[in-house]
Structure formats: structure tokens, C-alpha cells
N, C-alpha and C. Protein backbone atom coordinates (compact mmCIF):
# COMPACT_ATOMS: atom_id res chain seq x y z
N MET A 1 0.73 -1.19 0.09
CA MET A 1 0.03 0.05 0.08
C MET A 1 0.92 1.04 -0.06
N LYS A 2 0.44 2.19 -0.69
CA LYS A 2 1.41 3.45 -1.06
C LYS A 2 0.91 4.42 0.36
N ILE A 3 1.70 5.12 0.77
CA ILE A 3 1.75 5.91 2.02
C ILE A 3 0.72 7.19 1.66
N ALA A 4 0.66 7.56 0.56
CA ALA A 4 -0.59 8.53 0.23
C ALA A 4 -1.89 7.69 0.65
N ASN A 5 -2.24 6.49 0.55
CA ASN A 5 -3.58 5.81 0.96
C ASN A 5 -3.59 5.88 2.33
N TYR A 6 -2.57 6.00 3.28
CA TYR A 6 -3.01 5.63 4.58
C TYR A 6 -3.61 6.69 5.27
N GLY A 7 -3.37 7.68 4.89
CA GLY A 7 -4.11 8.76 5.40
C GLY A 7 -5.77 8.84 5.53
N ALA A 8 -6.10 8.39 4.09
CA ALA A 8 -7.34 8.18 3.59
C ALA A 8 -7.97 7.47 4.56
N LEU A 9 -7.08 6.02 4.51
CA LEU A 9 -7.44 4.80 5.23
C LEU A 9 -7.62 4.85 6.71
N LEU A 10 -6.75 5.94 6.99
CA LEU A 10 -7.25 5.92 8.89
C LEU A 10 -8.37 6.80 8.98
N THR A 11 -8.70 7.46 8.00
CA THR A 11 -9.91 8.57 8.62
C THR A 11 -11.01 7.60 7.97
N LEU A 12 -11.01 6.81 6.81
CA LEU A 12 -11.95 5.99 7.11
C LEU A 12 -12.81 5.11 8.18
N ILE A 13 -11.40 4.78 8.49
CA ILE A 13 -11.60 3.72 9.75
C ILE A 13 -12.07 4.58 11.20
N GLY A 14 -11.54 5.55 11.35
CA GLY A 14 -12.31 6.49 12.29
C GLY A 14 -13.51 7.14 11.97
N ARG A 15 -14.00 7.16 10.90
CA ARG A 15 -15.36 7.46 10.66
C ARG A 15 -16.20 6.42 10.80
N ARG A 16 -15.98 5.05 10.23
CA ARG A 16 -16.44 3.78 10.60
C ARG A 16 -16.89 3.57 11.93
N LEU A 17 -15.77 3.87 12.86
CA LEU A 17 -15.85 3.71 14.29
C LEU A 17 -16.94 4.51 14.67
N LYS A 18 -16.78 5.81 14.42
CA LYS A 18 -17.57 6.95 14.96
C LYS A 18 -19.02 6.73 14.66
N ARG A 19 -19.48 6.57 13.38
CA ARG A 19 -20.52 6.12 13.04
C ARG A 19 -21.54 4.96 13.85
N GLY A 20 -20.54 4.05 13.79
CA GLY A 20 -20.77 2.62 14.72
C GLY A 20 -21.29 2.73 15.91
N ALA A 21 -20.92 3.96 16.72
CA ALA A 21 -20.84 4.13 17.98
C ALA A 21 -21.73 5.37 18.45
N GLN A 22 -22.49 5.72 17.41
CA GLN A 22 -23.52 6.67 17.68
C GLN A 22 -24.94 6.78 18.43
N VAL A 23 -25.00 7.06 19.56
CA VAL A 23 -26.04 6.92 20.56
C VAL A 23 -26.91 8.05 20.35
N GLY A 24 -28.30 7.76 20.08
CA GLY A 24 -29.45 8.65 20.27
C GLY A 24 -28.92 9.84 18.93
N GLN A 25 -29.09 11.00 19.29
CA GLN A 25 -29.02 12.20 18.17
C GLN A 25 -27.39 12.68 18.51
N LEU A 26 -26.80 12.04 18.81
CA LEU A 26 -25.42 12.80 18.85
C LEU A 26 -24.62 12.70 17.63
N SER A 27 -24.61 13.79 17.48
CA SER A 27 -23.42 13.97 15.86
C SER A 27 -22.04 13.61 16.28
N LEU A 28 -21.22 12.99 15.06
CA LEU A 28 -19.87 12.60 14.83
C LEU A 28 -18.98 13.85 15.81
N ASN A 29 -19.47 15.18 15.55
CA ASN A 29 -18.61 16.05 16.17
C ASN A 29 -18.97 16.41 17.54
N GLU A 30 -20.07 16.21 17.87
CA GLU A 30 -20.41 15.95 19.38
C GLU A 30 -19.49 15.08 20.02
N MET A 31 -19.67 13.72 19.53
CA MET A 31 -18.95 12.94 20.05
C MET A 31 -17.27 12.98 20.30
N LEU A 32 -16.89 13.39 19.11
CA LEU A 32 -15.53 14.00 19.26
C LEU A 32 -15.39 15.11 20.56
N VAL A 33 -15.94 15.94 20.53
CA VAL A 33 -16.10 17.05 21.36
C VAL A 33 -16.19 16.50 22.69
N MET A 34 -16.84 15.61 22.95
CA MET A 34 -17.20 14.96 24.62
C MET A 34 -15.89 14.47 24.85
N SER A 35 -15.65 13.49 23.87
CA SER A 35 -14.29 12.61 24.06
C SER A 35 -13.15 13.49 24.58
N ALA A 36 -13.10 14.46 23.62
CA ALA A 36 -12.00 15.48 23.64
C ALA A 36 -11.85 16.33 25.52
N VAL A 37 -13.32 16.35 25.77
CA VAL A 37 -13.59 17.07 27.02
C VAL A 37 -12.92 16.08 27.95
N GLU A 38 -13.58 14.73 28.03
CA GLU A 38 -12.92 13.63 28.94
C GLU A 38 -11.36 13.75 29.14
N GLN A 39 -10.90 13.38 27.87
CA GLN A 39 -9.14 13.43 27.66
C GLN A 39 -8.42 14.58 28.31
N LEU A 40 -9.01 15.72 27.74
CA LEU A 40 -8.45 16.96 28.72
C LEU A 40 -8.74 17.26 30.19
N GLY A 41 -9.59 16.57 30.29
CA GLY A 41 -9.99 16.54 31.96
C GLY A 41 -10.08 18.07 32.51
N LYS A 42 -9.29 18.56 33.21
CA LYS A 42 -9.25 19.79 34.29
C LYS A 42 -8.87 20.81 33.44
N GLU A 43 -8.13 20.54 32.30
CA GLU A 43 -7.75 21.77 30.85
C GLU A 43 -8.27 21.62 30.00
N ALA A 44 -9.99 21.26 30.47
CA ALA A 44 -10.90 21.44 29.00
C ALA A 44 -11.45 22.86 28.90
N THR A 45 -10.59 23.55 28.35
CA THR A 45 -10.80 24.84 28.14
C THR A 45 -11.62 24.66 26.50
N PRO A 46 -12.45 25.95 26.29
CA PRO A 46 -12.69 25.67 24.74
C PRO A 46 -11.48 25.89 23.54
N SER A 47 -10.79 26.68 23.70
CA SER A 47 -9.53 26.87 23.11
C SER A 47 -8.79 25.29 23.03
N ALA A 48 -8.59 24.69 24.34
CA ALA A 48 -8.07 23.57 24.08
C ALA A 48 -8.86 22.75 23.27
N ILE A 49 -9.93 22.30 23.62
CA ILE A 49 -10.84 21.49 23.13
C ILE A 49 -10.95 21.58 21.27
N ALA A 50 -10.78 22.88 21.19
CA ALA A 50 -10.96 23.39 19.72
C ALA A 50 -9.63 22.88 19.21
N ALA A 51 -8.35 22.97 19.77
CA ALA A 51 -7.04 22.51 19.13
C ALA A 51 -7.13 20.92 19.07
N HIS A 52 -8.05 20.37 19.83
CA HIS A 52 -7.73 18.91 20.19
C HIS A 52 -8.20 18.32 19.23
N VAL A 53 -9.44 18.83 18.84
CA VAL A 53 -10.61 18.20 17.96
C VAL A 53 -10.35 18.91 16.26
N SER A 54 -9.31 20.07 16.26
CA SER A 54 -9.14 20.58 15.13
C SER A 54 -10.52 21.29 14.41
N LEU A 55 -11.19 21.96 15.30
CA LEU A 55 -12.11 22.85 14.97
C LEU A 55 -12.09 24.30 15.13
N ARG A 56 -12.61 25.11 14.24
CA ARG A 56 -12.63 26.53 14.40
C ARG A 56 -13.35 26.89 15.69
N SER A 57 -12.89 28.15 16.87
CA SER A 57 -13.52 28.33 17.70
C SER A 57 -15.56 28.52 17.42
N SER A 58 -15.56 29.05 16.31
CA SER A 58 -16.74 29.34 15.91
C SER A 58 -17.69 28.21 15.88
N ASN A 59 -17.34 27.20 15.26
CA ASN A 59 -18.08 25.68 15.08
C ASN A 59 -18.01 25.00 16.44
N LEU A 60 -16.79 25.18 17.23
CA LEU A 60 -16.70 24.82 18.66
C LEU A 60 -17.87 25.18 19.60
N ALA A 61 -18.17 26.69 19.21
CA ALA A 61 -18.97 27.43 20.17
C ALA A 61 -20.37 26.99 20.22
N GLU A 62 -20.84 26.65 19.01
CA GLU A 62 -22.18 26.16 18.48
C GLU A 62 -22.25 24.66 19.21
N LEU A 63 -21.48 23.96 18.99
CA LEU A 63 -21.29 22.60 19.41
C LEU A 63 -21.40 22.54 21.13
N LEU A 64 -20.88 23.56 21.47
CA LEU A 64 -20.84 23.69 23.06
C LEU A 64 -22.08 24.05 23.90
N SER A 65 -22.96 24.62 22.73
CA SER A 65 -23.92 25.27 23.12
C SER A 65 -25.16 24.27 23.12
N ASP A 66 -25.01 23.33 21.89
CA ASP A 66 -25.86 22.23 21.42
C ASP A 66 -25.81 20.87 22.98
N LEU A 67 -24.46 20.94 22.99
CA LEU A 67 -24.07 19.64 24.12
C LEU A 67 -24.89 20.28 25.47
N GLU A 68 -24.53 21.59 25.82
CA GLU A 68 -24.88 21.72 27.00
C GLU A 68 -26.54 21.83 27.22
N ALA A 69 -27.40 22.34 25.94
CA ALA A 69 -28.67 22.47 25.97
C ALA A 69 -29.27 20.90 26.12
N LYS A 70 -28.35 19.95 25.95
CA LYS A 70 -28.87 18.42 26.03
C LYS A 70 -28.58 18.09 27.37
N GLY A 71 -27.75 18.83 28.17
CA GLY A 71 -27.35 18.45 29.32
C GLY A 71 -26.26 17.26 29.52
N PHE A 72 -25.13 17.13 28.39
CA PHE A 72 -24.20 16.67 28.40
C PHE A 72 -22.98 17.29 28.95
N ILE A 73 -22.91 18.68 28.98
CA ILE A 73 -21.63 19.53 29.26
C ILE A 73 -22.24 20.41 30.31
N VAL A 74 -21.29 20.97 31.18
CA VAL A 74 -21.49 21.92 32.14
C VAL A 74 -20.29 22.58 31.91
N ARG A 75 -20.51 24.17 31.68
CA ARG A 75 -19.50 25.14 31.74
C ARG A 75 -19.37 26.16 33.00
N ARG A 76 -18.27 26.19 33.14
CA ARG A 76 -18.24 27.01 34.52
C ARG A 76 -16.76 28.07 34.52
N GLN A 77 -17.00 28.80 35.30
CA GLN A 77 -15.59 29.65 35.31
C GLN A 77 -14.33 29.16 35.80
N ALA A 78 -13.56 29.21 35.64
CA ALA A 78 -11.84 28.77 36.13
C ALA A 78 -11.86 29.52 37.26
N LEU A 79 -11.49 28.78 38.56
CA LEU A 79 -11.04 29.77 39.70
C LEU A 79 -9.21 29.41 39.72
N PRO A 80 -8.28 30.39 39.81
CA PRO A 80 -8.72 31.87 40.43
C PRO A 80 -8.75 32.75 39.20
N ASP A 81 -8.48 32.47 37.93
CA ASP A 81 -8.96 33.21 36.71
C ASP A 81 -10.55 33.12 36.23
N ARG A 82 -11.03 33.72 36.54
CA ARG A 82 -12.44 33.86 36.22
C ARG A 82 -12.58 34.26 34.85
N ARG A 83 -11.44 34.87 34.27
CA ARG A 83 -11.76 35.07 32.93
C ARG A 83 -11.86 33.61 31.77
N LYS A 84 -11.40 32.46 32.16
CA LYS A 84 -11.47 31.22 31.64
C LYS A 84 -12.67 30.49 31.96
N THR A 85 -12.90 29.86 30.82
CA THR A 85 -14.25 29.16 30.92
C THR A 85 -13.50 27.47 30.95
N LEU A 86 -14.10 26.87 31.75
CA LEU A 86 -13.61 25.55 31.83
C LEU A 86 -15.20 24.50 31.45
N VAL A 87 -14.70 23.29 30.59
CA VAL A 87 -15.78 22.45 30.25
C VAL A 87 -15.75 21.18 30.82
N GLU A 88 -16.72 20.42 31.36
CA GLU A 88 -16.99 19.17 32.17
C GLU A 88 -18.13 18.23 31.47
N LEU A 89 -18.07 17.00 31.52
CA LEU A 89 -18.96 16.11 31.15
C LEU A 89 -19.89 16.23 32.21
N SER A 90 -21.24 16.30 31.83
CA SER A 90 -22.15 16.08 33.19
C SER A 90 -22.31 14.47 33.47
N LEU A 91 -22.93 14.06 34.47
CA LEU A 91 -23.24 12.85 34.56
C LEU A 91 -23.98 11.89 33.39
N GLN A 92 -24.80 12.71 32.99
CA GLN A 92 -25.64 12.04 31.81
C GLN A 92 -24.45 12.08 30.75
N GLY A 93 -23.85 13.19 30.34
CA GLY A 93 -22.66 13.17 29.18
C GLY A 93 -21.81 12.20 29.14
N LEU A 94 -21.12 11.76 30.64
CA LEU A 94 -20.46 10.65 31.00
C LEU A 94 -21.02 9.40 30.55
N ARG A 95 -22.02 9.21 31.10
CA ARG A 95 -22.95 7.85 30.72
C ARG A 95 -23.12 7.78 29.19
N ILE A 96 -23.16 8.66 28.23
CA ILE A 96 -23.69 8.65 26.90
C ILE A 96 -22.43 8.59 26.28
N LEU A 97 -21.37 8.94 26.67
CA LEU A 97 -19.87 8.87 25.97
C LEU A 97 -19.31 7.37 26.28
N LYS A 98 -19.63 6.95 27.77
CA LYS A 98 -19.23 5.60 27.72
C LYS A 98 -19.82 4.44 26.99
N GLN A 99 -21.29 4.90 26.99
CA GLN A 99 -22.06 3.99 25.68
C GLN A 99 -21.17 4.01 24.55
N CYS A 100 -21.02 5.33 23.95
CA CYS A 100 -20.35 5.42 22.63
C CYS A 100 -18.98 4.66 22.65
N GLN A 101 -18.31 4.61 23.67
CA GLN A 101 -16.88 4.31 23.42
C GLN A 101 -17.06 2.70 23.63
N LYS A 102 -18.02 2.09 24.54
CA LYS A 102 -18.33 0.45 24.32
C LYS A 102 -18.39 0.36 23.01
N LEU A 103 -19.59 0.62 22.27
CA LEU A 103 -19.97 0.50 20.85
C LEU A 103 -18.80 0.33 19.95
N GLN A 104 -17.77 1.35 20.25
CA GLN A 104 -16.56 1.56 19.41
C GLN A 104 -15.81 0.60 19.77
N THR A 105 -15.50 0.18 20.81
CA THR A 105 -14.73 -1.18 21.45
C THR A 105 -15.49 -2.35 20.72
N ASP A 106 -16.61 -2.47 20.92
CA ASP A 106 -17.56 -3.84 20.74
C ASP A 106 -17.05 -3.83 18.90
N TRP A 107 -17.52 -2.92 18.35
CA TRP A 107 -17.44 -2.70 16.75
C TRP A 107 -15.97 -3.35 16.39
N LEU A 108 -14.76 -2.61 16.85
CA LEU A 108 -13.61 -3.00 16.71
C LEU A 108 -13.05 -4.39 16.82
N ARG A 109 -13.63 -4.78 18.03
CA ARG A 109 -13.13 -6.08 18.57
C ARG A 109 -13.78 -7.30 17.47
N GLN A 110 -14.80 -7.08 17.11
CA GLN A 110 -15.93 -7.92 16.08
C GLN A 110 -15.02 -7.90 14.99
N ALA A 111 -14.62 -6.63 14.52
CA ALA A 111 -14.26 -6.47 12.88
C ALA A 111 -12.89 -7.36 12.99
N ILE A 112 -12.17 -7.16 13.94
CA ILE A 112 -10.82 -7.64 14.02
C ILE A 112 -10.91 -9.32 14.03
N LYS A 113 -11.98 -9.54 14.96
CA LYS A 113 -12.03 -11.14 15.06
C LYS A 113 -12.61 -11.82 13.89
N THR A 114 -13.31 -11.20 13.19
CA THR A 114 -14.05 -11.86 12.27
C THR A 114 -13.12 -11.87 10.71
N ARG A 115 -12.34 -10.30 10.48
CA ARG A 115 -11.94 -10.20 9.20
C ARG A 115 -10.35 -10.54 9.29
N LEU A 116 -9.65 -10.56 10.72
CA LEU A 116 -8.18 -10.80 10.45
C LEU A 116 -7.91 -12.05 11.08
N THR A 117 -6.91 -12.97 10.54
CA THR A 117 -6.35 -14.02 11.09
C THR A 117 -5.62 -13.83 12.36
N PRO A 118 -5.48 -14.97 13.27
CA PRO A 118 -4.52 -14.54 14.32
C PRO A 118 -3.25 -13.87 14.12
N ASP A 119 -2.51 -14.14 13.16
CA ASP A 119 -0.96 -13.38 12.90
C ASP A 119 -1.69 -11.91 12.43
N GLU A 120 -2.44 -11.62 11.98
CA GLU A 120 -2.75 -10.33 11.23
C GLU A 120 -3.29 -9.57 12.30
N GLN A 121 -4.02 -10.30 13.80
CA GLN A 121 -4.31 -9.70 14.72
C GLN A 121 -3.05 -9.23 15.48
N ASN A 122 -2.09 -9.79 15.48
CA ASN A 122 -0.86 -9.88 16.39
C ASN A 122 -0.29 -8.42 15.46
N GLN A 123 0.11 -8.73 14.05
CA GLN A 123 0.47 -7.21 13.62
C GLN A 123 -0.37 -5.98 13.67
N LEU A 124 -1.55 -6.17 13.70
CA LEU A 124 -2.30 -5.22 13.96
C LEU A 124 -2.17 -4.35 15.59
N LEU A 125 -1.83 -5.27 16.48
CA LEU A 125 -1.79 -4.73 17.66
C LEU A 125 -0.74 -4.33 18.04
N ALA A 126 0.51 -4.80 17.33
CA ALA A 126 2.03 -4.08 17.28
C ALA A 126 2.01 -2.72 16.69
N THR A 127 1.01 -2.53 15.49
CA THR A 127 1.20 -1.13 14.96
C THR A 127 0.62 -0.09 15.93
N GLY A 128 -0.02 -0.54 17.01
CA GLY A 128 -0.59 0.46 18.00
C GLY A 128 -0.05 1.29 18.76
N THR A 129 1.59 1.14 18.76
CA THR A 129 2.63 1.98 19.54
C THR A 129 3.11 2.64 18.32
N LEU A 130 3.23 2.23 17.08
CA LEU A 130 3.59 3.05 16.04
C LEU A 130 2.87 4.13 15.67
N LEU A 131 1.45 3.80 15.49
CA LEU A 131 0.55 5.03 15.43
C LEU A 131 0.08 6.08 16.36
N GLU A 132 0.62 5.51 17.68
CA GLU A 132 0.66 6.71 18.68
C GLU A 132 1.96 7.60 18.49
N LYS A 133 2.99 7.21 18.05
CA LYS A 133 4.16 7.65 17.64
C LYS A 133 3.71 9.05 16.64
N LEU A 134 3.11 8.42 15.43
CA LEU A 134 2.68 8.98 14.63
C LEU A 134 1.89 10.18 15.18
N TYR A 135 0.89 9.93 15.85
CA TYR A 135 -0.16 10.62 16.21
C TYR A 135 0.59 11.97 16.98
N ALA A 136 1.57 11.56 17.79
CA ALA A 136 2.45 12.76 18.64
C ALA A 136 3.30 13.46 17.63
N TYR A 137 3.47 13.24 16.47
CA TYR A 137 4.16 14.16 15.70
C TYR A 137 3.45 15.28 15.60
N THR A 138 4.09 16.80 15.73
CA THR A 138 3.68 17.56 15.42
C THR A 138 3.96 18.63 14.39
N GLU A 139 3.39 20.01 14.38
CA GLU A 139 4.02 20.73 13.29
C GLU A 139 5.13 21.45 14.15
N ALA A 140 5.45 21.51 14.91
CA ALA A 140 6.63 21.76 15.95
C ALA A 140 8.00 20.93 15.41
N ASP A 141 7.42 19.31 15.47
CA ASP A 141 8.68 18.83 14.98
C ASP A 141 8.64 18.79 13.53
N CYS A 142 7.95 19.12 12.63
CA CYS A 142 7.81 19.37 11.40
C CYS A 142 9.23 20.51 11.18
N ASN A 143 8.93 21.63 11.86
CA ASN A 143 9.26 22.95 11.88
C ASN A 143 10.92 22.57 12.07
N ALA A 144 11.21 21.52 13.15
CA ALA A 144 12.36 21.66 13.78
C ALA A 144 13.15 20.80 12.84
N LYS A 145 12.77 19.73 12.10
CA LYS A 145 13.66 19.44 10.82
C LYS A 145 13.99 20.30 9.94
N SER A 146 13.27 21.31 9.51
CA SER A 146 13.42 22.22 8.30
C SER A 146 14.81 22.65 8.61
């Protein structure tokens, strides 16, 4: 397989995972935002979330409003710097997100078990570390090499 095809394939796999994990009326972007809130924890500010999921702040603002209206997130002022807004998952939001994550895991486990031989399964598991390294590659790394 050509390197040029990997990006598209990884994107398609990501979309398949997200599509199979949708619960209720949650959009793919809403799931991504909720997942980012969980991953960022106490550092989940709107700007950190936008950077994490590669969304413009205007698009994120609308998503956050929708998620707040659905009762999935809570926004509050940070202490001691009250100029910052922190975003947290509500208990309902955390429950929905866990359902989505379980559906993703179940889909992936079934796809691996059904479509891959035991040797291929081991190869795929070994690539996890490599994919993490690629994910960690940033623009700063690219600029450092120039």
C-alpha cells in the first residue's frame, strides 16, 4: 500500500468507528468534542478542545451550546482566573460517552476477530505503538527538521 493511501484509510476507519458508536441524536462532532473534554480533564477549555479536535472556535461554540442544551456538558468559570471557561462532562454526558466508547470497542473487536487471522491480529496490535508515535508528531517537530 502506498503511503498516500494511509491517511485516507485511517480517516475512513475513524469515521466507521464513530458511525458505529452513535447513540441517540449525537453527531460525530459532538462525540469528538465530548471525548476531548474527557481526555483533557481539568484543562478542558474551549480553546484546548478546539485545538484537540481541529475545529474553528466558532464551530466549537455552537457544538458546546448544543451539548449544554442537551445536558451533556457543564461550563463554569475557572478559579482563580475567572476569565477562563472550563468545560466538564455532566453525569448524563459521561454515561452517553461511555456507551459510545463501548460500541466503538465492540465494533472494533468484532471486526478484528471476524476479518483478521490470528497473525494479522498480532500485527495490528503491534502497530498501535507506531500509530501513537505518528499521532504525537506535531507541526513543531516538522519545523525543527527544516
